[in-house]
Amino acid sequence: MFKVNVDGAVFSSQGAVGISVIIRDEEGRVEAALSKKIMAPLGALEAEAKAFEARLLFARDIGIQELVLEGDSITIYNALSEISSPPSFVEPIIVGVNALCSDFRRVEFSHVRRQRNSPAHLLVKHAKGIVDFSTCIEENPCFIEQALIHDVIAFSHTK
């Protein structure tokens, strides 16, 4: 089972949003990371929903079949977990994410506080300075190394 963290951010001065995806194995090792800019004037909630969509597409593209999708938007988490209905402006994205889930053997959703999502948050900030997307396979992006170490240590203390 792989843990997939995601974050979204609005770059209003650029008329764009950034999304990040970090895929880690059970021991916290980075399998893959994605930082992507979408040139569209979306809001914060739409950026978070698009980040969930991108993570599923990215996980599928690299062949992962069992994953826990973790993000810091409680609204998106509740909608994907069918705890509550999504706001109408993100509903089409949520429907698309749920449809993508059928491409996997097992998908679970998890909510995490923003402070526990710092590797994904740092990676999404990286998207502001790129044109399209940036990926790393089986290596840690150097600018999030310390956040990854802290995240693994914090996770091991909560088990």
N, C-alpha and C. Protein backbone atom coordinates (compact mmCIF):
# COMPACT_ATOMS: atom_id res chain seq x y z
N MET A 1 0.85 -1.17 0.00
CA MET A 1 0.00 0.00 0.00
C MET A 1 0.90 1.23 0.00
N PHE A 2 0.66 2.14 -0.91
CA PHE A 2 1.43 3.36 -1.02
C PHE A 2 0.65 4.54 -0.44
N LYS A 3 1.37 5.45 0.20
CA LYS A 3 0.78 6.68 0.73
C LYS A 3 1.03 7.77 -0.29
N VAL A 4 -0.03 8.45 -0.68
CA VAL A 4 0.07 9.49 -1.70
C VAL A 4 -0.42 10.80 -1.10
N ASN A 5 0.50 11.73 -0.87
CA ASN A 5 0.15 13.06 -0.35
C ASN A 5 -0.05 14.02 -1.51
N VAL A 6 -0.92 14.97 -1.29
CA VAL A 6 -1.24 15.93 -2.34
C VAL A 6 -1.46 17.29 -1.71
N ASP A 7 -1.22 18.32 -2.52
CA ASP A 7 -1.55 19.68 -2.09
C ASP A 7 -1.83 20.49 -3.34
N GLY A 8 -2.58 21.55 -3.16
CA GLY A 8 -2.89 22.49 -4.23
C GLY A 8 -2.68 23.90 -3.73
N ALA A 9 -2.33 24.80 -4.64
CA ALA A 9 -2.12 26.20 -4.26
C ALA A 9 -2.54 27.09 -5.41
N VAL A 10 -3.03 28.26 -5.07
CA VAL A 10 -3.45 29.25 -6.08
C VAL A 10 -2.32 30.26 -6.26
N PHE A 11 -1.93 30.48 -7.51
CA PHE A 11 -0.95 31.50 -7.86
C PHE A 11 -1.71 32.60 -8.60
N SER A 12 -2.45 33.42 -7.85
CA SER A 12 -3.35 34.40 -8.46
C SER A 12 -2.63 35.39 -9.36
N SER A 13 -1.40 35.76 -9.03
CA SER A 13 -0.67 36.72 -9.87
C SER A 13 -0.32 36.14 -11.23
N GLN A 14 -0.31 34.81 -11.33
CA GLN A 14 -0.01 34.13 -12.60
C GLN A 14 -1.28 33.61 -13.29
N GLY A 15 -2.42 33.71 -12.62
CA GLY A 15 -3.65 33.14 -13.18
C GLY A 15 -3.53 31.63 -13.32
N ALA A 16 -2.90 31.00 -12.31
CA ALA A 16 -2.62 29.56 -12.38
C ALA A 16 -2.78 28.94 -11.00
N VAL A 17 -2.77 27.61 -10.98
CA VAL A 17 -2.72 26.86 -9.74
C VAL A 17 -1.58 25.86 -9.85
N GLY A 18 -1.10 25.48 -8.68
CA GLY A 18 -0.07 24.45 -8.63
C GLY A 18 -0.61 23.25 -7.88
N ILE A 19 -0.16 22.08 -8.27
CA ILE A 19 -0.51 20.86 -7.57
C ILE A 19 0.76 20.05 -7.34
N SER A 20 0.75 19.28 -6.27
CA SER A 20 1.89 18.41 -5.99
C SER A 20 1.38 17.05 -5.58
N VAL A 21 2.19 16.05 -5.89
CA VAL A 21 1.89 14.66 -5.55
C VAL A 21 3.19 14.03 -5.06
N ILE A 22 3.16 13.39 -3.91
CA ILE A 22 4.30 12.63 -3.41
C ILE A 22 3.81 11.22 -3.10
N ILE A 23 4.42 10.24 -3.75
CA ILE A 23 4.05 8.84 -3.56
C ILE A 23 5.17 8.16 -2.77
N ARG A 24 4.80 7.59 -1.60
CA ARG A 24 5.79 6.93 -0.75
C ARG A 24 5.36 5.51 -0.42
N ASP A 25 6.35 4.65 -0.20
CA ASP A 25 6.06 3.28 0.20
C ASP A 25 5.79 3.23 1.70
N GLU A 26 5.57 2.01 2.22
CA GLU A 26 5.21 1.84 3.63
C GLU A 26 6.29 2.32 4.59
N GLU A 27 7.52 2.39 4.13
CA GLU A 27 8.63 2.83 4.98
C GLU A 27 8.96 4.30 4.81
N GLY A 28 8.17 5.02 4.02
CA GLY A 28 8.35 6.45 3.85
C GLY A 28 9.27 6.85 2.72
N ARG A 29 9.80 5.88 1.97
CA ARG A 29 10.69 6.21 0.85
C ARG A 29 9.89 6.77 -0.32
N VAL A 30 10.42 7.82 -0.94
CA VAL A 30 9.75 8.43 -2.08
C VAL A 30 9.89 7.53 -3.30
N GLU A 31 8.76 7.14 -3.85
CA GLU A 31 8.74 6.37 -5.10
C GLU A 31 8.67 7.32 -6.28
N ALA A 32 7.88 8.40 -6.12
CA ALA A 32 7.73 9.37 -7.20
C ALA A 32 7.18 10.67 -6.63
N ALA A 33 7.50 11.76 -7.31
CA ALA A 33 6.98 13.08 -6.91
C ALA A 33 6.66 13.87 -8.17
N LEU A 34 5.61 14.65 -8.09
CA LEU A 34 5.16 15.46 -9.22
C LEU A 34 4.83 16.86 -8.72
N SER A 35 5.30 17.85 -9.45
CA SER A 35 4.95 19.25 -9.21
C SER A 35 4.44 19.76 -10.55
N LYS A 36 3.24 20.33 -10.56
CA LYS A 36 2.62 20.70 -11.84
C LYS A 36 1.92 22.04 -11.72
N LYS A 37 2.02 22.83 -12.79
CA LYS A 37 1.30 24.10 -12.86
C LYS A 37 0.18 23.95 -13.89
N ILE A 38 -1.00 24.43 -13.52
CA ILE A 38 -2.15 24.43 -14.43
C ILE A 38 -2.51 25.89 -14.66
N MET A 39 -2.44 26.29 -15.91
CA MET A 39 -2.75 27.68 -16.25
C MET A 39 -4.26 27.85 -16.36
N ALA A 40 -4.88 28.08 -15.21
CA ALA A 40 -6.32 28.29 -15.13
C ALA A 40 -6.61 29.05 -13.85
N PRO A 41 -7.50 30.01 -13.90
CA PRO A 41 -7.81 30.82 -12.70
C PRO A 41 -8.79 30.09 -11.78
N LEU A 42 -8.32 29.03 -11.14
CA LEU A 42 -9.16 28.24 -10.24
C LEU A 42 -9.04 28.75 -8.82
N GLY A 43 -10.02 28.42 -7.99
CA GLY A 43 -9.98 28.76 -6.58
C GLY A 43 -9.24 27.69 -5.79
N ALA A 44 -9.07 27.93 -4.50
CA ALA A 44 -8.31 27.02 -3.63
C ALA A 44 -8.93 25.62 -3.58
N LEU A 45 -10.24 25.54 -3.43
CA LEU A 45 -10.90 24.23 -3.34
C LEU A 45 -10.80 23.47 -4.66
N GLU A 46 -10.93 24.20 -5.77
CA GLU A 46 -10.78 23.57 -7.08
C GLU A 46 -9.35 23.06 -7.27
N ALA A 47 -8.36 23.81 -6.79
CA ALA A 47 -6.97 23.39 -6.89
C ALA A 47 -6.75 22.10 -6.09
N GLU A 48 -7.32 22.03 -4.89
CA GLU A 48 -7.20 20.81 -4.07
C GLU A 48 -7.85 19.62 -4.77
N ALA A 49 -9.03 19.82 -5.34
CA ALA A 49 -9.72 18.73 -6.03
C ALA A 49 -8.92 18.28 -7.26
N LYS A 50 -8.37 19.23 -8.02
CA LYS A 50 -7.54 18.89 -9.18
C LYS A 50 -6.29 18.13 -8.75
N ALA A 51 -5.78 18.44 -7.57
CA ALA A 51 -4.60 17.74 -7.06
C ALA A 51 -4.92 16.27 -6.80
N PHE A 52 -6.11 15.98 -6.27
CA PHE A 52 -6.51 14.59 -6.07
C PHE A 52 -6.61 13.86 -7.41
N GLU A 53 -7.18 14.53 -8.39
CA GLU A 53 -7.29 13.95 -9.72
C GLU A 53 -5.91 13.66 -10.31
N ALA A 54 -4.99 14.62 -10.19
CA ALA A 54 -3.64 14.45 -10.74
C ALA A 54 -2.91 13.31 -10.04
N ARG A 55 -3.10 13.17 -8.75
CA ARG A 55 -2.40 12.10 -8.03
C ARG A 55 -2.84 10.74 -8.50
N LEU A 56 -4.14 10.58 -8.76
CA LEU A 56 -4.61 9.29 -9.27
C LEU A 56 -4.06 9.00 -10.66
N LEU A 57 -4.06 10.01 -11.52
CA LEU A 57 -3.51 9.83 -12.86
C LEU A 57 -2.03 9.48 -12.80
N PHE A 58 -1.29 10.19 -11.94
CA PHE A 58 0.15 9.95 -11.79
C PHE A 58 0.40 8.54 -11.23
N ALA A 59 -0.33 8.15 -10.20
CA ALA A 59 -0.17 6.82 -9.61
C ALA A 59 -0.49 5.74 -10.64
N ARG A 60 -1.52 5.93 -11.41
CA ARG A 60 -1.88 4.97 -12.45
C ARG A 60 -0.77 4.88 -13.50
N ASP A 61 -0.23 6.03 -13.89
CA ASP A 61 0.81 6.06 -14.92
C ASP A 61 2.08 5.32 -14.49
N ILE A 62 2.38 5.32 -13.19
CA ILE A 62 3.59 4.62 -12.76
C ILE A 62 3.30 3.21 -12.24
N GLY A 63 2.05 2.78 -12.36
CA GLY A 63 1.71 1.38 -12.09
C GLY A 63 1.34 1.02 -10.67
N ILE A 64 1.00 1.99 -9.85
CA ILE A 64 0.59 1.70 -8.48
C ILE A 64 -0.88 1.31 -8.47
N GLN A 65 -1.20 0.25 -7.72
CA GLN A 65 -2.57 -0.27 -7.70
C GLN A 65 -3.28 -0.16 -6.36
N GLU A 66 -2.53 0.01 -5.27
CA GLU A 66 -3.13 0.12 -3.94
C GLU A 66 -2.56 1.34 -3.25
N LEU A 67 -3.44 2.28 -2.86
CA LEU A 67 -2.94 3.53 -2.32
C LEU A 67 -3.90 4.17 -1.33
N VAL A 68 -3.30 4.97 -0.44
CA VAL A 68 -4.04 5.82 0.47
C VAL A 68 -3.81 7.25 -0.01
N LEU A 69 -4.88 7.94 -0.35
CA LEU A 69 -4.80 9.31 -0.83
C LEU A 69 -4.99 10.24 0.37
N GLU A 70 -3.97 11.05 0.63
CA GLU A 70 -3.98 11.89 1.82
C GLU A 70 -3.84 13.36 1.42
N GLY A 71 -4.74 14.19 1.92
CA GLY A 71 -4.70 15.62 1.64
C GLY A 71 -5.18 16.41 2.83
N ASP A 72 -5.01 17.74 2.76
CA ASP A 72 -5.37 18.57 3.92
C ASP A 72 -6.66 19.36 3.76
N SER A 73 -7.44 19.09 2.72
CA SER A 73 -8.73 19.75 2.56
C SER A 73 -9.83 18.84 3.12
N ILE A 74 -10.42 19.25 4.23
CA ILE A 74 -11.48 18.44 4.85
C ILE A 74 -12.72 18.40 3.95
N THR A 75 -12.98 19.47 3.21
CA THR A 75 -14.14 19.50 2.31
C THR A 75 -13.99 18.46 1.21
N ILE A 76 -12.81 18.38 0.61
CA ILE A 76 -12.58 17.40 -0.46
C ILE A 76 -12.56 15.99 0.12
N TYR A 77 -11.92 15.81 1.26
CA TYR A 77 -11.91 14.50 1.91
C TYR A 77 -13.34 14.02 2.19
N ASN A 78 -14.17 14.88 2.77
CA ASN A 78 -15.56 14.50 3.08
C ASN A 78 -16.34 14.15 1.82
N ALA A 79 -16.11 14.89 0.74
CA ALA A 79 -16.81 14.60 -0.52
C ALA A 79 -16.36 13.26 -1.09
N LEU A 80 -15.05 13.00 -1.12
CA LEU A 80 -14.55 11.74 -1.67
C LEU A 80 -14.93 10.55 -0.82
N SER A 81 -15.02 10.75 0.49
CA SER A 81 -15.41 9.68 1.41
C SER A 81 -16.93 9.54 1.51
N GLU A 82 -17.66 10.37 0.78
CA GLU A 82 -19.12 10.38 0.76
C GLU A 82 -19.73 10.67 2.12
N ILE A 83 -19.01 11.49 2.91
CA ILE A 83 -19.52 11.95 4.20
C ILE A 83 -20.47 13.12 3.99
N SER A 84 -20.14 13.95 2.99
CA SER A 84 -21.00 15.08 2.64
C SER A 84 -20.90 15.34 1.13
N SER A 85 -21.86 16.07 0.62
CA SER A 85 -21.86 16.41 -0.81
C SER A 85 -20.83 17.51 -1.07
N PRO A 86 -20.18 17.45 -2.22
CA PRO A 86 -19.21 18.51 -2.53
C PRO A 86 -19.91 19.78 -2.96
N PRO A 87 -19.24 20.92 -2.82
CA PRO A 87 -19.80 22.15 -3.39
C PRO A 87 -20.00 21.95 -4.90
N SER A 88 -21.01 22.55 -5.45
CA SER A 88 -21.37 22.31 -6.86
C SER A 88 -20.24 22.62 -7.84
N PHE A 89 -19.39 23.62 -7.53
CA PHE A 89 -18.34 23.98 -8.47
C PHE A 89 -17.19 22.98 -8.52
N VAL A 90 -17.08 22.07 -7.54
CA VAL A 90 -16.06 21.02 -7.62
C VAL A 90 -16.67 19.63 -7.84
N GLU A 91 -17.98 19.56 -7.88
CA GLU A 91 -18.63 18.27 -8.04
C GLU A 91 -18.17 17.50 -9.28
N PRO A 92 -18.04 18.15 -10.46
CA PRO A 92 -17.56 17.38 -11.62
C PRO A 92 -16.16 16.78 -11.43
N ILE A 93 -15.31 17.48 -10.71
CA ILE A 93 -13.96 16.96 -10.45
C ILE A 93 -14.06 15.76 -9.50
N ILE A 94 -14.89 15.87 -8.46
CA ILE A 94 -15.08 14.78 -7.49
C ILE A 94 -15.64 13.54 -8.20
N VAL A 95 -16.61 13.73 -9.07
CA VAL A 95 -17.18 12.60 -9.83
C VAL A 95 -16.09 11.95 -10.68
N GLY A 96 -15.24 12.76 -11.30
CA GLY A 96 -14.13 12.23 -12.09
C GLY A 96 -13.13 11.45 -11.25
N VAL A 97 -12.82 11.97 -10.06
CA VAL A 97 -11.89 11.28 -9.16
C VAL A 97 -12.48 9.93 -8.75
N ASN A 98 -13.75 9.91 -8.38
CA ASN A 98 -14.39 8.65 -8.00
C ASN A 98 -14.39 7.66 -9.15
N ALA A 99 -14.59 8.12 -10.37
CA ALA A 99 -14.54 7.23 -11.54
C ALA A 99 -13.13 6.67 -11.74
N LEU A 100 -12.11 7.51 -11.54
CA LEU A 100 -10.72 7.05 -11.68
C LEU A 100 -10.37 5.97 -10.65
N CYS A 101 -11.00 6.01 -9.49
CA CYS A 101 -10.71 5.04 -8.44
C CYS A 101 -10.97 3.61 -8.90
N SER A 102 -11.87 3.43 -9.85
CA SER A 102 -12.17 2.08 -10.34
C SER A 102 -11.01 1.48 -11.13
N ASP A 103 -10.01 2.29 -11.49
CA ASP A 103 -8.83 1.79 -12.20
C ASP A 103 -7.83 1.12 -11.26
N PHE A 104 -8.09 1.15 -9.95
CA PHE A 104 -7.16 0.64 -8.95
C PHE A 104 -7.77 -0.54 -8.20
N ARG A 105 -6.89 -1.38 -7.63
CA ARG A 105 -7.37 -2.49 -6.79
C ARG A 105 -7.93 -1.98 -5.48
N ARG A 106 -7.27 -0.98 -4.88
CA ARG A 106 -7.70 -0.48 -3.58
C ARG A 106 -7.32 0.98 -3.44
N VAL A 107 -8.28 1.80 -3.05
CA VAL A 107 -8.06 3.23 -2.81
C VAL A 107 -8.74 3.60 -1.50
N GLU A 108 -7.98 4.23 -0.62
CA GLU A 108 -8.53 4.75 0.63
C GLU A 108 -8.25 6.25 0.67
N PHE A 109 -9.06 6.98 1.41
CA PHE A 109 -8.88 8.42 1.56
C PHE A 109 -8.52 8.72 3.01
N SER A 110 -7.65 9.71 3.20
CA SER A 110 -7.23 10.10 4.53
C SER A 110 -7.08 11.62 4.58
N HIS A 111 -7.46 12.19 5.71
CA HIS A 111 -7.29 13.63 5.90
C HIS A 111 -6.12 13.85 6.85
N VAL A 112 -5.30 14.86 6.56
CA VAL A 112 -4.15 15.19 7.38
C VAL A 112 -4.16 16.70 7.60
N ARG A 113 -3.73 17.14 8.78
CA ARG A 113 -3.63 18.58 9.02
C ARG A 113 -2.55 19.18 8.15
N ARG A 114 -2.69 20.46 7.83
CA ARG A 114 -1.72 21.13 6.94
C ARG A 114 -0.29 20.96 7.44
N GLN A 115 -0.07 21.09 8.76
CA GLN A 115 1.30 20.99 9.25
C GLN A 115 1.91 19.61 9.02
N ARG A 116 1.09 18.58 8.89
CA ARG A 116 1.58 17.23 8.60
C ARG A 116 1.71 16.98 7.10
N ASN A 117 1.39 17.97 6.29
CA ASN A 117 1.45 17.82 4.84
C ASN A 117 2.55 18.71 4.26
N SER A 118 3.55 19.04 5.07
CA SER A 118 4.57 20.00 4.63
C SER A 118 5.39 19.56 3.42
N PRO A 119 5.73 18.27 3.25
CA PRO A 119 6.47 17.92 2.03
C PRO A 119 5.67 18.25 0.76
N ALA A 120 4.39 17.93 0.76
CA ALA A 120 3.55 18.23 -0.41
C ALA A 120 3.38 19.74 -0.57
N HIS A 121 3.29 20.46 0.55
CA HIS A 121 3.14 21.92 0.48
C HIS A 121 4.39 22.57 -0.11
N LEU A 122 5.57 22.12 0.30
CA LEU A 122 6.81 22.65 -0.28
C LEU A 122 6.91 22.33 -1.77
N LEU A 123 6.48 21.13 -2.13
CA LEU A 123 6.54 20.73 -3.54
C LEU A 123 5.58 21.54 -4.39
N VAL A 124 4.40 21.89 -3.86
CA VAL A 124 3.45 22.69 -4.64
C VAL A 124 3.99 24.11 -4.83
N LYS A 125 4.71 24.63 -3.85
CA LYS A 125 5.31 25.96 -4.01
C LYS A 125 6.33 25.97 -5.15
N HIS A 126 6.98 24.83 -5.36
CA HIS A 126 7.94 24.68 -6.46
C HIS A 126 7.26 24.88 -7.82
N ALA A 127 5.99 24.50 -7.91
CA ALA A 127 5.26 24.60 -9.19
C ALA A 127 5.16 26.04 -9.68
N LYS A 128 5.22 26.99 -8.78
CA LYS A 128 5.10 28.40 -9.16
C LYS A 128 6.19 28.81 -10.15
N GLY A 129 7.36 28.21 -10.04
CA GLY A 129 8.48 28.59 -10.90
C GLY A 129 8.71 27.71 -12.11
N ILE A 130 7.79 26.78 -12.38
CA ILE A 130 7.96 25.92 -13.56
C ILE A 130 6.92 26.26 -14.62
N VAL A 131 7.15 25.77 -15.83
CA VAL A 131 6.24 26.06 -16.93
C VAL A 131 5.09 25.06 -16.99
N ASP A 132 5.38 23.78 -16.87
CA ASP A 132 4.36 22.75 -17.03
C ASP A 132 4.36 21.79 -15.83
N PHE A 133 5.34 20.88 -15.79
CA PHE A 133 5.43 19.95 -14.68
C PHE A 133 6.87 19.48 -14.49
N SER A 134 7.12 18.92 -13.32
CA SER A 134 8.43 18.39 -12.97
C SER A 134 8.19 17.10 -12.19
N THR A 135 8.94 16.04 -12.51
CA THR A 135 8.77 14.78 -11.80
C THR A 135 10.12 14.26 -11.31
N CYS A 136 10.05 13.46 -10.26
CA CYS A 136 11.20 12.72 -9.74
C CYS A 136 10.73 11.29 -9.52
N ILE A 137 11.49 10.33 -9.99
CA ILE A 137 11.15 8.92 -9.79
C ILE A 137 12.24 8.30 -8.93
N GLU A 138 11.83 7.68 -7.81
CA GLU A 138 12.72 7.00 -6.88
C GLU A 138 13.86 7.88 -6.36
N GLU A 139 13.60 9.16 -6.19
CA GLU A 139 14.56 10.06 -5.56
C GLU A 139 13.80 11.19 -4.89
N ASN A 140 14.39 11.73 -3.85
CA ASN A 140 13.77 12.84 -3.13
C ASN A 140 14.16 14.16 -3.77
N PRO A 141 13.20 15.01 -4.09
CA PRO A 141 13.57 16.36 -4.50
C PRO A 141 14.34 17.01 -3.34
N CYS A 142 15.53 17.53 -3.59
CA CYS A 142 16.42 17.99 -2.51
C CYS A 142 15.79 19.06 -1.63
N PHE A 143 14.93 19.91 -2.18
CA PHE A 143 14.37 21.01 -1.40
C PHE A 143 13.28 20.58 -0.43
N ILE A 144 12.86 19.29 -0.46
CA ILE A 144 11.88 18.82 0.52
C ILE A 144 12.46 17.73 1.41
N GLU A 145 13.76 17.47 1.30
CA GLU A 145 14.41 16.39 2.06
C GLU A 145 14.16 16.48 3.56
N GLN A 146 14.39 17.65 4.17
CA GLN A 146 14.20 17.80 5.62
C GLN A 146 12.74 17.59 6.02
N ALA A 147 11.81 18.10 5.22
CA ALA A 147 10.38 17.92 5.53
C ALA A 147 10.00 16.45 5.45
N LEU A 148 10.57 15.71 4.50
CA LEU A 148 10.28 14.28 4.39
C LEU A 148 10.80 13.53 5.61
N ILE A 149 12.00 13.85 6.05
CA ILE A 149 12.58 13.19 7.23
C ILE A 149 11.70 13.47 8.46
N HIS A 150 11.32 14.73 8.64
CA HIS A 150 10.47 15.10 9.77
C HIS A 150 9.12 14.38 9.71
N ASP A 151 8.55 14.27 8.52
CA ASP A 151 7.26 13.64 8.33
C ASP A 151 7.33 12.14 8.68
N VAL A 152 8.38 11.46 8.26
CA VAL A 152 8.54 10.04 8.56
C VAL A 152 8.71 9.83 10.06
N ILE A 153 9.50 10.69 10.71
CA ILE A 153 9.69 10.59 12.16
C ILE A 153 8.37 10.82 12.90
N ALA A 154 7.63 11.85 12.50
CA ALA A 154 6.33 12.15 13.13
C ALA A 154 5.36 11.01 12.92
N PHE A 155 5.34 10.43 11.71
CA PHE A 155 4.43 9.33 11.41
C PHE A 155 4.76 8.11 12.25
N SER A 156 6.07 7.81 12.44
CA SER A 156 6.46 6.64 13.22
C SER A 156 6.06 6.78 14.69
N HIS A 157 5.98 8.03 15.20
CA HIS A 157 5.57 8.25 16.60
C HIS A 157 4.06 8.13 16.78
N THR A 158 3.29 8.20 15.69
CA THR A 158 1.83 8.11 15.82
C THR A 158 1.32 6.68 15.63
N LYS A 159 2.20 5.77 15.28
CA LYS A 159 1.77 4.36 15.08
C LYS A 159 1.52 3.66 16.39
